[in-house]
């Protein structure tokens, strides 16, 4: 292979095949989005392994991480948790119930709303999420090891431009 040529991957083969079989279509988006999809699969597997090593499912990590990122005292209202994790109210209730049963979160009365509650991170929840995050970041650094710092920053900027469309409306199309 020449020094100036990029290595080929399975997406190149897919794009070539579709270009051959459907020359009437512009298959250019496949060059980018098929790679994003494949990377997402690798990342999902790595995330699941990192979380499983700490006895957590991905959804459990998502809830615990939202509470941890909230800062001391690591509490959020159920509505805030919904926005942070992008799930339905019924799903969140079930998740909080299950995490509370495991001793990873607790429900506290909301001091400003007698009818409301705050979901709080327990010491066990904080320990689990902190350890899982450390393992996850180590694995993600390995995933990005083939890119130098400049390439990582450029990729992050480019992906942000694609994702910002969905910030306000998760169902929006560009």
C-alpha atoms as a PDB file:
ATOM      1  CA  UNK A   1       0.000   0.000   0.000  1.00  0.00           C
ATOM      2  CA  UNK A   2       1.336   3.449  -0.871  1.00  0.00           C
ATOM      3  CA  UNK A   3       2.284   5.696   2.049  1.00  0.00           C
ATOM      4  CA  UNK A   4      -0.269   8.334   1.015  1.00  0.00           C
ATOM      5  CA  UNK A   5      -3.252   5.938   0.775  1.00  0.00           C
ATOM      6  CA  UNK A   6      -5.652   5.428   3.627  1.00  0.00           C
ATOM      7  CA  UNK A   7      -6.261   1.839   4.708  1.00  0.00           C
ATOM      8  CA  UNK A   8      -9.535   0.356   3.443  1.00  0.00           C
ATOM      9  CA  UNK A   9     -12.262  -1.009   5.649  1.00  0.00           C
ATOM     10  CA  UNK A  10     -15.512  -2.926   5.230  1.00  0.00           C
ATOM     11  CA  UNK A  11     -17.447   0.300   4.653  1.00  0.00           C
ATOM     12  CA  UNK A  12     -15.399   0.949   1.524  1.00  0.00           C
ATOM     13  CA  UNK A  13     -16.570  -2.410   0.197  1.00  0.00           C
ATOM     14  CA  UNK A  14     -20.215  -1.648   1.052  1.00  0.00           C
ATOM     15  CA  UNK A  15     -20.045   1.762  -0.655  1.00  0.00           C
ATOM     16  CA  UNK A  16     -18.415   0.268  -3.753  1.00  0.00           C
ATOM     17  CA  UNK A  17     -21.028  -2.476  -3.950  1.00  0.00           C
ATOM     18  CA  UNK A  18     -23.956  -0.055  -3.631  1.00  0.00           C
ATOM     19  CA  UNK A  19     -22.377   2.303  -6.142  1.00  0.00           C
ATOM     20  CA  UNK A  20     -22.105  -0.579  -8.581  1.00  0.00           C
ATOM     21  CA  UNK A  21     -25.597  -1.960  -7.912  1.00  0.00           C
ATOM     22  CA  UNK A  22     -27.424   1.378  -7.606  1.00  0.00           C
ATOM     23  CA  UNK A  23     -25.510   3.923  -9.703  1.00  0.00           C
ATOM     24  CA  UNK A  24     -28.682   6.035  -9.746  1.00  0.00           C
ATOM     25  CA  UNK A  25     -28.305   6.795  -6.021  1.00  0.00           C
ATOM     26  CA  UNK A  26     -25.798   9.011  -4.202  1.00  0.00           C
ATOM     27  CA  UNK A  27     -24.371   6.655  -1.597  1.00  0.00           C
ATOM     28  CA  UNK A  28     -21.971   9.264  -0.182  1.00  0.00           C
ATOM     29  CA  UNK A  29     -23.708   9.385   3.250  1.00  0.00           C
ATOM     30  CA  UNK A  30     -22.809   5.729   3.759  1.00  0.00           C
ATOM     31  CA  UNK A  31     -19.099   6.647   3.831  1.00  0.00           C
ATOM     32  CA  UNK A  32     -19.636   8.595   7.046  1.00  0.00           C
ATOM     33  CA  UNK A  33     -22.744   7.249   8.715  1.00  0.00           C
ATOM     34  CA  UNK A  34     -21.981   3.552   8.227  1.00  0.00           C
ATOM     35  CA  UNK A  35     -18.695   4.173  10.019  1.00  0.00           C
ATOM     36  CA  UNK A  36     -20.460   6.058  12.808  1.00  0.00           C
ATOM     37  CA  UNK A  37     -22.885   3.144  13.177  1.00  0.00           C
ATOM     38  CA  UNK A  38     -20.084   0.590  13.297  1.00  0.00           C
ATOM     39  CA  UNK A  39     -18.113   2.639  15.816  1.00  0.00           C
ATOM     40  CA  UNK A  40     -21.264   2.996  17.924  1.00  0.00           C
ATOM     41  CA  UNK A  41     -21.574  -0.798  18.025  1.00  0.00           C
ATOM     42  CA  UNK A  42     -17.963  -1.129  19.218  1.00  0.00           C
ATOM     43  CA  UNK A  43     -18.542   1.587  21.800  1.00  0.00           C
ATOM     44  CA  UNK A  44     -21.794  -0.001  23.009  1.00  0.00           C
ATOM     45  CA  UNK A  45     -20.028  -3.329  23.531  1.00  0.00           C
ATOM     46  CA  UNK A  46     -17.151  -1.657  25.366  1.00  0.00           C
ATOM     47  CA  UNK A  47     -19.511   0.383  27.521  1.00  0.00           C
ATOM     48  CA  UNK A  48     -21.527  -2.689  28.430  1.00  0.00           C
ATOM     49  CA  UNK A  49     -18.342  -4.551  29.416  1.00  0.00           C
ATOM     50  CA  UNK A  50     -17.063  -1.624  31.493  1.00  0.00           C
ATOM     51  CA  UNK A  51     -20.381  -1.286  33.296  1.00  0.00           C
ATOM     52  CA  UNK A  52     -20.866  -5.028  33.751  1.00  0.00           C
ATOM     53  CA  UNK A  53     -17.482  -5.236  35.482  1.00  0.00           C
ATOM     54  CA  UNK A  54     -19.047  -3.031  38.166  1.00  0.00           C
ATOM     55  CA  UNK A  55     -22.400  -4.810  38.284  1.00  0.00           C
ATOM     56  CA  UNK A  56     -24.211  -2.152  36.251  1.00  0.00           C
ATOM     57  CA  UNK A  57     -26.373  -2.191  33.159  1.00  0.00           C
ATOM     58  CA  UNK A  58     -25.990   0.676  30.679  1.00  0.00           C
ATOM     59  CA  UNK A  59     -29.269   2.267  31.754  1.00  0.00           C
ATOM     60  CA  UNK A  60     -28.214   2.081  35.401  1.00  0.00           C
ATOM     61  CA  UNK A  61     -24.979   3.861  34.618  1.00  0.00           C
ATOM     62  CA  UNK A  62     -26.905   6.539  32.702  1.00  0.00           C
ATOM     63  CA  UNK A  63     -29.104   7.371  35.710  1.00  0.00           C
ATOM     64  CA  UNK A  64     -26.256   7.203  38.225  1.00  0.00           C
ATOM     65  CA  UNK A  65     -24.020   9.310  35.982  1.00  0.00           C
ATOM     66  CA  UNK A  66     -26.709  11.986  35.620  1.00  0.00           C
ATOM     67  CA  UNK A  67     -26.950  12.207  39.405  1.00  0.00           C
ATOM     68  CA  UNK A  68     -23.160  12.267  39.817  1.00  0.00           C
ATOM     69  CA  UNK A  69     -22.741  15.028  37.214  1.00  0.00           C
ATOM     70  CA  UNK A  70     -25.334  17.130  39.069  1.00  0.00           C
ATOM     71  CA  UNK A  71     -22.741  17.826  41.758  1.00  0.00           C
ATOM     72  CA  UNK A  72     -23.240  17.773  45.495  1.00  0.00           C
ATOM     73  CA  UNK A  73     -25.611  16.684  46.903  1.00  0.00           C
ATOM     74  CA  UNK A  74     -26.044  14.545  43.748  1.00  0.00           C
ATOM     75  CA  UNK A  75     -29.820  14.908  43.581  1.00  0.00           C
ATOM     76  CA  UNK A  76     -32.212  15.596  40.718  1.00  0.00           C
ATOM     77  CA  UNK A  77     -35.952  15.737  40.396  1.00  0.00           C
ATOM     78  CA  UNK A  78     -37.562  12.989  38.316  1.00  0.00           C
ATOM     79  CA  UNK A  79     -38.235  15.604  35.598  1.00  0.00           C
ATOM     80  CA  UNK A  80     -34.568  16.579  35.498  1.00  0.00           C
ATOM     81  CA  UNK A  81     -33.600  12.912  35.258  1.00  0.00           C
ATOM     82  CA  UNK A  82     -36.007  12.501  32.327  1.00  0.00           C
ATOM     83  CA  UNK A  83     -34.295  15.337  30.463  1.00  0.00           C
ATOM     84  CA  UNK A  84     -30.823  14.021  31.282  1.00  0.00           C
ATOM     85  CA  UNK A  85     -31.527  10.456  30.162  1.00  0.00           C
ATOM     86  CA  UNK A  86     -34.156  11.019  27.446  1.00  0.00           C
ATOM     87  CA  UNK A  87     -36.586   8.328  28.598  1.00  0.00           C
ATOM     88  CA  UNK A  88     -40.299   8.403  29.386  1.00  0.00           C
ATOM     89  CA  UNK A  89     -41.774   9.078  32.815  1.00  0.00           C
ATOM     90  CA  UNK A  90     -42.923   5.470  33.251  1.00  0.00           C
ATOM     91  CA  UNK A  91     -39.510   4.152  32.292  1.00  0.00           C
ATOM     92  CA  UNK A  92     -37.779   6.490  34.743  1.00  0.00           C
ATOM     93  CA  UNK A  93     -40.082   5.473  37.602  1.00  0.00           C
ATOM     94  CA  UNK A  94     -39.233   1.823  36.954  1.00  0.00           C
ATOM     95  CA  UNK A  95     -35.508   2.589  36.771  1.00  0.00           C
ATOM     96  CA  UNK A  96     -35.480   4.583  39.990  1.00  0.00           C
ATOM     97  CA  UNK A  97     -37.449   1.815  41.742  1.00  0.00           C
ATOM     98  CA  UNK A  98     -34.927  -0.790  40.625  1.00  0.00           C
ATOM     99  CA  UNK A  99     -31.903   1.333  41.555  1.00  0.00           C
ATOM    100  CA  UNK A 100     -33.426   2.138  44.952  1.00  0.00           C
ATOM    101  CA  UNK A 101     -34.020  -1.578  45.581  1.00  0.00           C
ATOM    102  CA  UNK A 102     -30.301  -2.142  44.931  1.00  0.00           C
ATOM    103  CA  UNK A 103     -29.334   0.661  47.321  1.00  0.00           C
ATOM    104  CA  UNK A 104     -27.757   2.795  44.585  1.00  0.00           C
ATOM    105  CA  UNK A 105     -30.215   5.712  44.819  1.00  0.00           C
ATOM    106  CA  UNK A 106     -32.676   7.019  47.370  1.00  0.00           C
ATOM    107  CA  UNK A 107     -35.821   9.123  47.204  1.00  0.00           C
ATOM    108  CA  UNK A 108     -35.834  12.221  49.392  1.00  0.00           C
ATOM    109  CA  UNK A 109     -38.678  14.659  49.967  1.00  0.00           C
ATOM    110  CA  UNK A 110     -38.213  17.798  47.895  1.00  0.00           C
ATOM    111  CA  UNK A 111     -37.605  20.642  50.379  1.00  0.00           C
ATOM    112  CA  UNK A 112     -39.311  23.176  48.109  1.00  0.00           C
ATOM    113  CA  UNK A 113     -42.265  21.039  47.032  1.00  0.00           C
ATOM    114  CA  UNK A 114     -44.152  18.961  49.606  1.00  0.00           C
ATOM    115  CA  UNK A 115     -45.591  16.748  46.849  1.00  0.00           C
ATOM    116  CA  UNK A 116     -42.281  16.237  45.061  1.00  0.00           C
ATOM    117  CA  UNK A 117     -39.266  14.057  45.544  1.00  0.00           C
ATOM    118  CA  UNK A 118     -35.615  14.262  44.674  1.00  0.00           C
ATOM    119  CA  UNK A 119     -33.678  11.201  43.564  1.00  0.00           C
ATOM    120  CA  UNK A 120     -30.306  11.091  45.279  1.00  0.00           C
ATOM    121  CA  UNK A 121     -27.149   9.089  44.797  1.00  0.00           C
ATOM    122  CA  UNK A 122     -26.182   6.845  47.725  1.00  0.00           C
ATOM    123  CA  UNK A 123     -22.567   6.197  48.709  1.00  0.00           C
ATOM    124  CA  UNK A 124     -22.805   2.787  47.018  1.00  0.00           C
ATOM    125  CA  UNK A 125     -24.175   4.411  43.854  1.00  0.00           C
ATOM    126  CA  UNK A 126     -21.389   6.985  43.832  1.00  0.00           C
ATOM    127  CA  UNK A 127     -18.728   4.301  44.280  1.00  0.00           C
ATOM    128  CA  UNK A 128     -20.199   2.203  41.448  1.00  0.00           C
ATOM    129  CA  UNK A 129     -20.560   5.060  38.964  1.00  0.00           C
ATOM    130  CA  UNK A 130     -17.103   6.485  39.718  1.00  0.00           C
ATOM    131  CA  UNK A 131     -15.407   3.113  39.195  1.00  0.00           C
ATOM    132  CA  UNK A 132     -17.385   2.349  36.026  1.00  0.00           C
ATOM    133  CA  UNK A 133     -16.587   5.789  34.610  1.00  0.00           C
ATOM    134  CA  UNK A 134     -12.855   5.322  35.199  1.00  0.00           C
ATOM    135  CA  UNK A 135     -12.919   1.991  33.336  1.00  0.00           C
ATOM    136  CA  UNK A 136     -15.061   3.431  30.558  1.00  0.00           C
ATOM    137  CA  UNK A 137     -12.717   6.372  29.980  1.00  0.00           C
ATOM    138  CA  UNK A 138      -9.710   4.071  29.827  1.00  0.00           C
ATOM    139  CA  UNK A 139     -11.463   1.926  27.207  1.00  0.00           C
ATOM    140  CA  UNK A 140     -12.582   4.988  25.220  1.00  0.00           C
ATOM    141  CA  UNK A 141      -9.026   6.351  25.221  1.00  0.00           C
ATOM    142  CA  UNK A 142      -7.915   3.062  23.681  1.00  0.00           C
ATOM    143  CA  UNK A 143     -10.662   3.343  21.063  1.00  0.00           C
ATOM    144  CA  UNK A 144      -9.350   6.792  20.076  1.00  0.00           C
ATOM    145  CA  UNK A 145      -5.653   5.872  20.292  1.00  0.00           C
ATOM    146  CA  UNK A 146      -5.322   5.866  16.495  1.00  0.00           C
ATOM    147  CA  UNK A 147      -6.141   9.577  16.331  1.00  0.00           C
ATOM    148  CA  UNK A 148      -3.827  12.328  17.477  1.00  0.00           C
ATOM    149  CA  UNK A 149      -5.178  15.149  19.658  1.00  0.00           C
ATOM    150  CA  UNK A 150      -5.861  17.407  16.674  1.00  0.00           C
ATOM    151  CA  UNK A 151      -7.812  14.692  14.868  1.00  0.00           C
ATOM    152  CA  UNK A 152      -9.844  14.020  18.031  1.00  0.00           C
ATOM    153  CA  UNK A 153     -10.720  17.715  18.392  1.00  0.00           C
ATOM    154  CA  UNK A 154     -11.703  17.957  14.715  1.00  0.00           C
ATOM    155  CA  UNK A 155     -13.850  14.837  14.935  1.00  0.00           C
ATOM    156  CA  UNK A 156     -15.569  16.165  18.066  1.00  0.00           C
ATOM    157  CA  UNK A 157     -16.286  19.501  16.337  1.00  0.00           C
ATOM    158  CA  UNK A 158     -17.648  17.799  13.243  1.00  0.00           C
ATOM    159  CA  UNK A 159     -19.886  15.403  15.171  1.00  0.00           C
ATOM    160  CA  UNK A 160     -21.129  18.283  17.340  1.00  0.00           C
ATOM    161  CA  UNK A 161     -22.291  20.121  14.207  1.00  0.00           C
ATOM    162  CA  UNK A 162     -24.331  17.065  13.226  1.00  0.00           C
ATOM    163  CA  UNK A 163     -25.785  16.532  16.710  1.00  0.00           C
ATOM    164  CA  UNK A 164     -26.672  20.110  17.625  1.00  0.00           C
ATOM    165  CA  UNK A 165     -29.741  19.891  15.378  1.00  0.00           C
ATOM    166  CA  UNK A 166     -31.242  17.382  17.812  1.00  0.00           C
ATOM    167  CA  UNK A 167     -30.524  19.355  20.998  1.00  0.00           C
ATOM    168  CA  UNK A 168     -33.845  21.188  21.079  1.00  0.00           C
ATOM    169  CA  UNK A 169     -35.981  18.559  19.360  1.00  0.00           C
ATOM    170  CA  UNK A 170     -34.776  14.929  19.467  1.00  0.00           C
ATOM    171  CA  UNK A 171     -37.099  14.088  16.560  1.00  0.00           C
ATOM    172  CA  UNK A 172     -35.858  16.916  14.348  1.00  0.00           C
ATOM    173  CA  UNK A 173     -34.490  16.249  10.909  1.00  0.00           C
ATOM    174  CA  UNK A 174     -31.785  18.546   9.542  1.00  0.00           C
END
